Amino acid sequence: MKTISRHKTFIKDMRNIRLTETQATKLFLYIAKLLNEESLPIEAKDHALQGEWNDFRECHLGGDMLLIYQTEKHTVYLTRLGRVTRVRQLSFAP
């Protein structure tokens, strides 16, 4: 089982975003699957990102809410959480 690491941008996003009950359920379910190295359901539309985000992946929580994350051998890094239009405009400083 992998460990979890939350970037300060993810923590800030969690404070500022209101998830629906369904989105919150999916968020915790998807994180659990990532930690257990299981594949995400097709409805998550999990895919690799490009450009400055090329080392990251994105999955959809419903509506236009998404989670940006990165996986390594022993760790899942939660990086951003938010609406498609906002998250893609923001930069990420490791």
C-alpha atoms as a PDB file:
ATOM      1  CA  MET A   1       0.000   0.000   0.000  1.00  0.00           C
ATOM      2  CA  LYS A   2       1.248   3.464  -0.905  1.00  0.00           C
ATOM      3  CA  THR A   3       1.393   6.443   1.426  1.00  0.00           C
ATOM      4  CA  ILE A   4      -0.304   9.760   0.780  1.00  0.00           C
ATOM      5  CA  SER A   5       1.236  13.218   0.573  1.00  0.00           C
ATOM      6  CA  ARG A   6      -0.867  16.371   0.264  1.00  0.00           C
ATOM      7  CA  HIS A   7       0.768  19.391  -1.330  1.00  0.00           C
ATOM      8  CA  LYS A   8       0.030  22.769   0.253  1.00  0.00           C
ATOM      9  CA  THR A   9      -1.949  23.733  -2.871  1.00  0.00           C
ATOM     10  CA  PHE A  10      -4.234  20.716  -2.391  1.00  0.00           C
ATOM     11  CA  ILE A  11      -4.789  21.570   1.277  1.00  0.00           C
ATOM     12  CA  LYS A  12      -5.641  25.153   0.320  1.00  0.00           C
ATOM     13  CA  ASP A  13      -7.997  23.923  -2.413  1.00  0.00           C
ATOM     14  CA  MET A  14      -9.756  21.626   0.086  1.00  0.00           C
ATOM     15  CA  ARG A  15     -10.417  24.589   2.366  1.00  0.00           C
ATOM     16  CA  ASN A  16     -11.827  26.760  -0.414  1.00  0.00           C
ATOM     17  CA  ILE A  17     -13.922  24.282  -2.403  1.00  0.00           C
ATOM     18  CA  ARG A  18     -17.361  22.938  -1.685  1.00  0.00           C
ATOM     19  CA  LEU A  19     -17.796  19.396  -2.915  1.00  0.00           C
ATOM     20  CA  THR A  20     -21.178  17.801  -3.362  1.00  0.00           C
ATOM     21  CA  GLU A  21     -21.763  14.648  -1.342  1.00  0.00           C
ATOM     22  CA  THR A  22     -21.241  12.569  -4.481  1.00  0.00           C
ATOM     23  CA  GLN A  23     -17.984  14.349  -5.337  1.00  0.00           C
ATOM     24  CA  ALA A  24     -16.663  13.944  -1.782  1.00  0.00           C
ATOM     25  CA  THR A  25     -17.521  10.231  -1.842  1.00  0.00           C
ATOM     26  CA  LYS A  26     -15.747   9.786  -5.178  1.00  0.00           C
ATOM     27  CA  LEU A  27     -12.718  11.741  -3.939  1.00  0.00           C
ATOM     28  CA  PHE A  28     -12.216   9.445  -0.957  1.00  0.00           C
ATOM     29  CA  LEU A  29     -12.970   6.322  -3.015  1.00  0.00           C
ATOM     30  CA  TYR A  30     -10.491   7.303  -5.744  1.00  0.00           C
ATOM     31  CA  ILE A  31      -7.778   8.168  -3.217  1.00  0.00           C
ATOM     32  CA  ALA A  32      -8.273   4.773  -1.547  1.00  0.00           C
ATOM     33  CA  LYS A  33      -7.980   3.040  -4.924  1.00  0.00           C
ATOM     34  CA  LEU A  34      -4.798   4.967  -5.754  1.00  0.00           C
ATOM     35  CA  LEU A  35      -3.262   4.070  -2.388  1.00  0.00           C
ATOM     36  CA  ASN A  36      -4.095   0.393  -2.979  1.00  0.00           C
ATOM     37  CA  GLU A  37      -2.685   0.587  -6.530  1.00  0.00           C
ATOM     38  CA  GLU A  38      -6.073  -0.225  -8.066  1.00  0.00           C
ATOM     39  CA  SER A  39      -7.282   1.260 -11.327  1.00  0.00           C
ATOM     40  CA  LEU A  40      -9.877   4.006 -11.201  1.00  0.00           C
ATOM     41  CA  PRO A  41     -13.331   3.424 -12.715  1.00  0.00           C
ATOM     42  CA  ILE A  42     -13.902   4.497 -16.318  1.00  0.00           C
ATOM     43  CA  GLU A  43     -16.244   7.276 -15.161  1.00  0.00           C
ATOM     44  CA  ALA A  44     -13.232   8.982 -13.508  1.00  0.00           C
ATOM     45  CA  LYS A  45     -11.746   9.645 -16.984  1.00  0.00           C
ATOM     46  CA  ASP A  46      -8.277   9.217 -15.488  1.00  0.00           C
ATOM     47  CA  HIS A  47      -5.556  10.391 -17.859  1.00  0.00           C
ATOM     48  CA  ALA A  48      -2.039  11.807 -18.023  1.00  0.00           C
ATOM     49  CA  LEU A  49      -1.609  15.557 -18.416  1.00  0.00           C
ATOM     50  CA  GLN A  50       0.641  17.430 -20.823  1.00  0.00           C
ATOM     51  CA  GLY A  51       2.737  20.581 -20.850  1.00  0.00           C
ATOM     52  CA  GLU A  52       3.961  21.871 -17.488  1.00  0.00           C
ATOM     53  CA  TRP A  53       1.788  19.163 -15.867  1.00  0.00           C
ATOM     54  CA  ASN A  54       3.335  16.268 -17.869  1.00  0.00           C
ATOM     55  CA  ASP A  55       4.314  14.245 -14.772  1.00  0.00           C
ATOM     56  CA  PHE A  56       0.786  14.409 -13.355  1.00  0.00           C
ATOM     57  CA  ARG A  57      -2.555  12.689 -13.838  1.00  0.00           C
ATOM     58  CA  GLU A  58      -6.096  14.000 -13.635  1.00  0.00           C
ATOM     59  CA  CYS A  59      -9.366  12.310 -12.711  1.00  0.00           C
ATOM     60  CA  HIS A  60     -12.894  13.685 -12.720  1.00  0.00           C
ATOM     61  CA  LEU A  61     -15.096  13.652  -9.621  1.00  0.00           C
ATOM     62  CA  GLY A  62     -18.301  14.640 -11.397  1.00  0.00           C
ATOM     63  CA  GLY A  63     -19.468  17.805 -13.040  1.00  0.00           C
ATOM     64  CA  ASP A  64     -16.391  19.888 -13.798  1.00  0.00           C
ATOM     65  CA  MET A  65     -14.603  19.008 -10.527  1.00  0.00           C
ATOM     66  CA  LEU A  66     -11.269  17.241 -10.851  1.00  0.00           C
ATOM     67  CA  LEU A  67      -8.302  15.971  -8.877  1.00  0.00           C
ATOM     68  CA  ILE A  68      -4.722  16.365 -10.093  1.00  0.00           C
ATOM     69  CA  TYR A  69      -2.258  13.910  -8.607  1.00  0.00           C
ATOM     70  CA  GLN A  70       1.055  12.177  -9.154  1.00  0.00           C
ATOM     71  CA  THR A  71       2.067   8.647  -8.253  1.00  0.00           C
ATOM     72  CA  GLU A  72       5.505   7.302  -7.536  1.00  0.00           C
ATOM     73  CA  LYS A  73       6.696   3.936  -6.334  1.00  0.00           C
ATOM     74  CA  HIS A  74       5.581   4.321  -2.704  1.00  0.00           C
ATOM     75  CA  THR A  75       3.614   7.590  -2.624  1.00  0.00           C
ATOM     76  CA  VAL A  76       0.524   9.269  -4.082  1.00  0.00           C
ATOM     77  CA  TYR A  77       0.932  13.054  -4.196  1.00  0.00           C
ATOM     78  CA  LEU A  78      -2.353  14.993  -4.139  1.00  0.00           C
ATOM     79  CA  THR A  79      -1.602  18.278  -5.887  1.00  0.00           C
ATOM     80  CA  ARG A  80      -4.730  20.231  -6.909  1.00  0.00           C
ATOM     81  CA  LEU A  81      -8.490  19.983  -6.502  1.00  0.00           C
ATOM     82  CA  GLY A  82     -10.977  22.197  -8.260  1.00  0.00           C
ATOM     83  CA  ARG A  83     -13.083  23.081 -11.246  1.00  0.00           C
ATOM     84  CA  VAL A  84     -11.619  22.427 -14.685  1.00  0.00           C
ATOM     85  CA  THR A  85     -11.511  26.076 -15.738  1.00  0.00           C
ATOM     86  CA  ARG A  86      -9.752  27.213 -12.565  1.00  0.00           C
ATOM     87  CA  VAL A  87      -7.291  24.371 -11.923  1.00  0.00           C
ATOM     88  CA  ARG A  88      -5.860  24.329 -15.439  1.00  0.00           C
ATOM     89  CA  GLN A  89      -5.147  28.064 -15.272  1.00  0.00           C
ATOM     90  CA  LEU A  90      -3.196  27.761 -12.029  1.00  0.00           C
ATOM     91  CA  SER A  91       0.455  26.942 -11.898  1.00  0.00           C
ATOM     92  CA  PHE A  92       2.068  24.499  -9.548  1.00  0.00           C
ATOM     93  CA  ALA A  93       5.244  25.237  -7.612  1.00  0.00           C
ATOM     94  CA  PRO A  94       6.691  22.082  -6.044  1.00  0.00           C
END
